[in-house]
């Protein structure tokens, strides 16, 4: 006997292609969102770790009662030296180094650097930050900042010392639609 009224089971090729293309579009959106979250997390960590290293050098300067100069000596590394002058490191004793992972680097564009100097009333410390021991206070410079850029993109991190705070504050942000970097932090 033939069964003329049988129903077919399964999906047509068109239905399968539509579902696969929808899944592909949704997963590509998720991957780009995940990538942005990873980049933001890495720049935040770099800013927080840089600020912690600078705080450690300020405490070390007070502990040993000597001046410590922190200078950028590589795109991904800053080094602390025991010395009286950041301009003369020939006889300086190397104390500690701090490195961040590529593609992050200790740098920022000139326009961003001038904006930060204006916004925080602080000079760029990447050419050298001198930590001078002081009784009862942090040995950190009065004011200054170190800028961290993630790759060639717009995510930035900062370790900022302002005149009105007695600590180095980590900050991070990226360029908004208006082209201005919007920083957030602790």
C-alpha atoms as a PDB file:
ATOM      1  CA  UNK A   1       0.000   0.000   0.000  1.00  0.00           C
ATOM      2  CA  UNK A   2       1.187   3.448  -0.812  1.00  0.00           C
ATOM      3  CA  UNK A   3       0.848   6.165   1.706  1.00  0.00           C
ATOM      4  CA  UNK A   4      -0.153   9.212  -0.329  1.00  0.00           C
ATOM      5  CA  UNK A   5      -0.711  11.568   2.596  1.00  0.00           C
ATOM      6  CA  UNK A   6       2.738  11.268   4.245  1.00  0.00           C
ATOM      7  CA  UNK A   7       4.271  14.392   5.658  1.00  0.00           C
ATOM      8  CA  UNK A   8       7.904  15.128   4.996  1.00  0.00           C
ATOM      9  CA  UNK A   9      10.167  15.668   7.970  1.00  0.00           C
ATOM     10  CA  UNK A  10      13.247  17.947   8.055  1.00  0.00           C
ATOM     11  CA  UNK A  11      14.124  21.412   6.814  1.00  0.00           C
ATOM     12  CA  UNK A  12      14.593  22.764   3.352  1.00  0.00           C
ATOM     13  CA  UNK A  13      17.959  24.012   2.196  1.00  0.00           C
ATOM     14  CA  UNK A  14      16.713  27.609   2.200  1.00  0.00           C
ATOM     15  CA  UNK A  15      15.597  27.365   5.840  1.00  0.00           C
ATOM     16  CA  UNK A  16      18.965  25.967   6.899  1.00  0.00           C
ATOM     17  CA  UNK A  17      20.867  28.711   5.007  1.00  0.00           C
ATOM     18  CA  UNK A  18      18.760  31.447   6.612  1.00  0.00           C
ATOM     19  CA  UNK A  19      19.405  30.098  10.123  1.00  0.00           C
ATOM     20  CA  UNK A  20      23.160  29.685   9.459  1.00  0.00           C
ATOM     21  CA  UNK A  21      23.471  33.223   8.073  1.00  0.00           C
ATOM     22  CA  UNK A  22      21.612  34.677  11.088  1.00  0.00           C
ATOM     23  CA  UNK A  23      23.905  32.775  13.462  1.00  0.00           C
ATOM     24  CA  UNK A  24      26.951  34.034  11.548  1.00  0.00           C
ATOM     25  CA  UNK A  25      25.829  37.651  11.810  1.00  0.00           C
ATOM     26  CA  UNK A  26      25.065  37.377  15.533  1.00  0.00           C
ATOM     27  CA  UNK A  27      28.360  35.645  16.327  1.00  0.00           C
ATOM     28  CA  UNK A  28      30.400  38.254  14.394  1.00  0.00           C
ATOM     29  CA  UNK A  29      28.729  41.002  16.422  1.00  0.00           C
ATOM     30  CA  UNK A  30      29.536  39.126  19.618  1.00  0.00           C
ATOM     31  CA  UNK A  31      33.186  38.610  18.676  1.00  0.00           C
ATOM     32  CA  UNK A  32      33.752  42.315  17.980  1.00  0.00           C
ATOM     33  CA  UNK A  33      32.075  43.214  21.279  1.00  0.00           C
ATOM     34  CA  UNK A  34      34.250  40.692  23.090  1.00  0.00           C
ATOM     35  CA  UNK A  35      37.380  42.122  21.431  1.00  0.00           C
ATOM     36  CA  UNK A  36      36.481  45.637  22.613  1.00  0.00           C
ATOM     37  CA  UNK A  37      35.901  44.329  26.145  1.00  0.00           C
ATOM     38  CA  UNK A  38      39.313  42.609  26.148  1.00  0.00           C
ATOM     39  CA  UNK A  39      41.054  45.790  24.914  1.00  0.00           C
ATOM     40  CA  UNK A  40      39.309  47.919  27.556  1.00  0.00           C
ATOM     41  CA  UNK A  41      40.275  45.437  30.259  1.00  0.00           C
ATOM     42  CA  UNK A  42      43.916  45.389  29.178  1.00  0.00           C
ATOM     43  CA  UNK A  43      44.269  49.180  29.065  1.00  0.00           C
ATOM     44  CA  UNK A  44      42.569  49.454  32.480  1.00  0.00           C
ATOM     45  CA  UNK A  45      44.989  46.874  33.921  1.00  0.00           C
ATOM     46  CA  UNK A  46      47.984  48.662  32.372  1.00  0.00           C
ATOM     47  CA  UNK A  47      46.894  51.989  33.899  1.00  0.00           C
ATOM     48  CA  UNK A  48      46.292  50.457  37.326  1.00  0.00           C
ATOM     49  CA  UNK A  49      49.589  48.538  37.307  1.00  0.00           C
ATOM     50  CA  UNK A  50      51.547  51.618  36.176  1.00  0.00           C
ATOM     51  CA  UNK A  51      50.007  53.685  38.977  1.00  0.00           C
ATOM     52  CA  UNK A  52      50.831  50.915  41.472  1.00  0.00           C
ATOM     53  CA  UNK A  53      54.457  50.794  40.263  1.00  0.00           C
ATOM     54  CA  UNK A  54      54.802  54.572  40.630  1.00  0.00           C
ATOM     55  CA  UNK A  55      53.271  54.443  44.129  1.00  0.00           C
ATOM     56  CA  UNK A  56      55.731  51.678  45.007  1.00  0.00           C
ATOM     57  CA  UNK A  57      58.632  53.861  43.836  1.00  0.00           C
ATOM     58  CA  UNK A  58      57.305  56.780  45.919  1.00  0.00           C
ATOM     59  CA  UNK A  59      57.179  54.545  48.991  1.00  0.00           C
ATOM     60  CA  UNK A  60      60.633  53.134  48.219  1.00  0.00           C
ATOM     61  CA  UNK A  61      62.057  56.654  47.954  1.00  0.00           C
ATOM     62  CA  UNK A  62      60.755  57.473  51.429  1.00  0.00           C
ATOM     63  CA  UNK A  63      61.928  54.114  52.793  1.00  0.00           C
ATOM     64  CA  UNK A  64      65.541  54.425  51.592  1.00  0.00           C
ATOM     65  CA  UNK A  65      65.601  58.243  51.952  1.00  0.00           C
ATOM     66  CA  UNK A  66      67.032  58.706  48.471  1.00  0.00           C
ATOM     67  CA  UNK A  67      65.807  60.277  45.253  1.00  0.00           C
ATOM     68  CA  UNK A  68      64.460  57.891  42.624  1.00  0.00           C
ATOM     69  CA  UNK A  69      64.043  58.791  38.971  1.00  0.00           C
ATOM     70  CA  UNK A  70      61.586  56.849  36.810  1.00  0.00           C
ATOM     71  CA  UNK A  71      62.192  57.103  33.049  1.00  0.00           C
ATOM     72  CA  UNK A  72      60.797  55.443  29.965  1.00  0.00           C
ATOM     73  CA  UNK A  73      63.629  53.452  28.399  1.00  0.00           C
ATOM     74  CA  UNK A  74      61.609  51.409  25.904  1.00  0.00           C
ATOM     75  CA  UNK A  75      58.147  51.640  24.319  1.00  0.00           C
ATOM     76  CA  UNK A  76      56.850  49.033  26.780  1.00  0.00           C
ATOM     77  CA  UNK A  77      59.140  49.602  29.782  1.00  0.00           C
ATOM     78  CA  UNK A  78      59.871  52.188  32.450  1.00  0.00           C
ATOM     79  CA  UNK A  79      62.830  51.885  34.811  1.00  0.00           C
ATOM     80  CA  UNK A  80      63.506  53.356  38.239  1.00  0.00           C
ATOM     81  CA  UNK A  81      67.016  54.561  39.143  1.00  0.00           C
ATOM     82  CA  UNK A  82      68.475  55.748  42.440  1.00  0.00           C
ATOM     83  CA  UNK A  83      69.918  59.124  41.463  1.00  0.00           C
ATOM     84  CA  UNK A  84      69.797  62.783  42.417  1.00  0.00           C
ATOM     85  CA  UNK A  85      69.127  63.954  38.846  1.00  0.00           C
ATOM     86  CA  UNK A  86      66.984  62.476  36.047  1.00  0.00           C
ATOM     87  CA  UNK A  87      69.199  64.152  33.463  1.00  0.00           C
ATOM     88  CA  UNK A  88      72.329  62.206  34.439  1.00  0.00           C
ATOM     89  CA  UNK A  89      71.849  58.437  34.724  1.00  0.00           C
ATOM     90  CA  UNK A  90      75.455  57.373  33.994  1.00  0.00           C
ATOM     91  CA  UNK A  91      76.302  56.600  37.612  1.00  0.00           C
ATOM     92  CA  UNK A  92      72.739  55.769  38.654  1.00  0.00           C
ATOM     93  CA  UNK A  93      71.865  52.460  40.280  1.00  0.00           C
ATOM     94  CA  UNK A  94      68.990  50.637  38.569  1.00  0.00           C
ATOM     95  CA  UNK A  95      66.338  49.843  41.158  1.00  0.00           C
ATOM     96  CA  UNK A  96      63.357  48.289  39.359  1.00  0.00           C
ATOM     97  CA  UNK A  97      61.675  47.997  35.988  1.00  0.00           C
ATOM     98  CA  UNK A  98      58.057  47.775  34.991  1.00  0.00           C
ATOM     99  CA  UNK A  99      56.911  46.488  31.599  1.00  0.00           C
ATOM    100  CA  UNK A 100      53.550  46.254  29.890  1.00  0.00           C
ATOM    101  CA  UNK A 101      52.596  43.780  27.187  1.00  0.00           C
ATOM    102  CA  UNK A 102      52.517  44.773  23.530  1.00  0.00           C
ATOM    103  CA  UNK A 103      50.582  46.200  21.754  1.00  0.00           C
ATOM    104  CA  UNK A 104      50.231  48.594  24.717  1.00  0.00           C
ATOM    105  CA  UNK A 105      52.988  51.204  24.929  1.00  0.00           C
ATOM    106  CA  UNK A 106      53.991  54.186  27.037  1.00  0.00           C
ATOM    107  CA  UNK A 107      53.053  56.913  24.567  1.00  0.00           C
ATOM    108  CA  UNK A 108      50.306  59.228  23.435  1.00  0.00           C
ATOM    109  CA  UNK A 109      49.902  61.645  20.555  1.00  0.00           C
ATOM    110  CA  UNK A 110      51.009  65.258  20.910  1.00  0.00           C
ATOM    111  CA  UNK A 111      47.451  66.614  20.739  1.00  0.00           C
ATOM    112  CA  UNK A 112      46.287  64.240  23.485  1.00  0.00           C
ATOM    113  CA  UNK A 113      49.397  65.036  25.537  1.00  0.00           C
ATOM    114  CA  UNK A 114      48.660  68.777  25.403  1.00  0.00           C
ATOM    115  CA  UNK A 115      44.987  68.133  26.276  1.00  0.00           C
ATOM    116  CA  UNK A 116      46.015  66.084  29.332  1.00  0.00           C
ATOM    117  CA  UNK A 117      48.547  68.715  30.405  1.00  0.00           C
ATOM    118  CA  UNK A 118      45.762  71.308  30.237  1.00  0.00           C
ATOM    119  CA  UNK A 119      42.993  69.208  31.828  1.00  0.00           C
ATOM    120  CA  UNK A 120      45.070  67.968  34.766  1.00  0.00           C
ATOM    121  CA  UNK A 121      47.543  70.887  34.943  1.00  0.00           C
ATOM    122  CA  UNK A 122      50.289  68.253  34.910  1.00  0.00           C
ATOM    123  CA  UNK A 123      53.458  67.737  32.844  1.00  0.00           C
ATOM    124  CA  UNK A 124      54.341  64.525  30.996  1.00  0.00           C
ATOM    125  CA  UNK A 125      56.450  62.302  33.311  1.00  0.00           C
ATOM    126  CA  UNK A 126      57.628  59.910  30.578  1.00  0.00           C
ATOM    127  CA  UNK A 127      60.832  61.885  30.101  1.00  0.00           C
ATOM    128  CA  UNK A 128      61.529  61.437  33.809  1.00  0.00           C
ATOM    129  CA  UNK A 129      59.730  61.629  37.131  1.00  0.00           C
ATOM    130  CA  UNK A 130      61.783  62.432  40.203  1.00  0.00           C
ATOM    131  CA  UNK A 131      60.555  60.969  43.504  1.00  0.00           C
ATOM    132  CA  UNK A 132      61.966  62.992  46.413  1.00  0.00           C
ATOM    133  CA  UNK A 133      61.665  61.608  49.979  1.00  0.00           C
ATOM    134  CA  UNK A 134      59.422  63.712  52.222  1.00  0.00           C
ATOM    135  CA  UNK A 135      58.495  63.049  55.833  1.00  0.00           C
ATOM    136  CA  UNK A 136      54.850  62.115  56.231  1.00  0.00           C
ATOM    137  CA  UNK A 137      53.927  62.531  52.568  1.00  0.00           C
ATOM    138  CA  UNK A 138      54.255  60.547  49.384  1.00  0.00           C
ATOM    139  CA  UNK A 139      57.564  61.040  47.603  1.00  0.00           C
ATOM    140  CA  UNK A 140      55.693  61.274  44.294  1.00  0.00           C
ATOM    141  CA  UNK A 141      56.194  64.375  42.153  1.00  0.00           C
ATOM    142  CA  UNK A 142      53.842  67.282  42.848  1.00  0.00           C
ATOM    143  CA  UNK A 143      52.054  66.633  39.560  1.00  0.00           C
ATOM    144  CA  UNK A 144      52.489  64.712  36.326  1.00  0.00           C
ATOM    145  CA  UNK A 145      51.189  61.851  34.222  1.00  0.00           C
ATOM    146  CA  UNK A 146      52.262  58.802  32.239  1.00  0.00           C
ATOM    147  CA  UNK A 147      50.168  58.007  29.183  1.00  0.00           C
ATOM    148  CA  UNK A 148      49.587  54.461  27.875  1.00  0.00           C
ATOM    149  CA  UNK A 149      48.194  53.752  24.416  1.00  0.00           C
ATOM    150  CA  UNK A 150      46.821  50.408  23.278  1.00  0.00           C
ATOM    151  CA  UNK A 151      48.172  49.722  19.772  1.00  0.00           C
ATOM    152  CA  UNK A 152      47.498  52.494  17.304  1.00  0.00           C
ATOM    153  CA  UNK A 153      43.856  52.807  18.326  1.00  0.00           C
ATOM    154  CA  UNK A 154      42.056  55.161  20.632  1.00  0.00           C
ATOM    155  CA  UNK A 155      42.045  53.304  23.984  1.00  0.00           C
ATOM    156  CA  UNK A 156      44.280  55.160  26.440  1.00  0.00           C
ATOM    157  CA  UNK A 157      45.332  54.726  30.028  1.00  0.00           C
ATOM    158  CA  UNK A 158      46.801  57.278  32.424  1.00  0.00           C
ATOM    159  CA  UNK A 159      48.607  57.284  35.721  1.00  0.00           C
ATOM    160  CA  UNK A 160      48.009  60.851  36.969  1.00  0.00           C
ATOM    161  CA  UNK A 161      49.424  62.727  39.960  1.00  0.00           C
ATOM    162  CA  UNK A 162      47.659  66.021  40.557  1.00  0.00           C
ATOM    163  CA  UNK A 163      48.690  68.702  43.046  1.00  0.00           C
ATOM    164  CA  UNK A 164      45.533  68.256  45.131  1.00  0.00           C
ATOM    165  CA  UNK A 165      45.779  64.454  45.591  1.00  0.00           C
ATOM    166  CA  UNK A 166      48.503  62.661  47.529  1.00  0.00           C
ATOM    167  CA  UNK A 167      48.328  59.559  45.347  1.00  0.00           C
ATOM    168  CA  UNK A 168      48.765  58.510  41.739  1.00  0.00           C
ATOM    169  CA  UNK A 169      45.380  57.858  40.154  1.00  0.00           C
ATOM    170  CA  UNK A 170      44.862  55.310  37.353  1.00  0.00           C
ATOM    171  CA  UNK A 171      42.472  56.376  34.580  1.00  0.00           C
ATOM    172  CA  UNK A 172      41.403  54.878  31.254  1.00  0.00           C
ATOM    173  CA  UNK A 173      39.235  55.849  28.343  1.00  0.00           C
ATOM    174  CA  UNK A 174      38.818  56.096  24.601  1.00  0.00           C
ATOM    175  CA  UNK A 175      37.821  58.678  22.031  1.00  0.00           C
ATOM    176  CA  UNK A 176      34.126  59.389  21.825  1.00  0.00           C
ATOM    177  CA  UNK A 177      32.184  60.312  18.705  1.00  0.00           C
ATOM    178  CA  UNK A 178      33.231  63.948  19.264  1.00  0.00           C
ATOM    179  CA  UNK A 179      36.931  62.964  19.082  1.00  0.00           C
ATOM    180  CA  UNK A 180      37.543  63.867  22.742  1.00  0.00           C
ATOM    181  CA  UNK A 181      39.025  61.282  25.108  1.00  0.00           C
ATOM    182  CA  UNK A 182      36.661  60.624  27.991  1.00  0.00           C
ATOM    183  CA  UNK A 183      38.588  59.217  30.981  1.00  0.00           C
ATOM    184  CA  UNK A 184      37.156  57.308  33.896  1.00  0.00           C
ATOM    185  CA  UNK A 185      38.981  55.868  36.850  1.00  0.00           C
ATOM    186  CA  UNK A 186      39.016  55.240  40.544  1.00  0.00           C
END
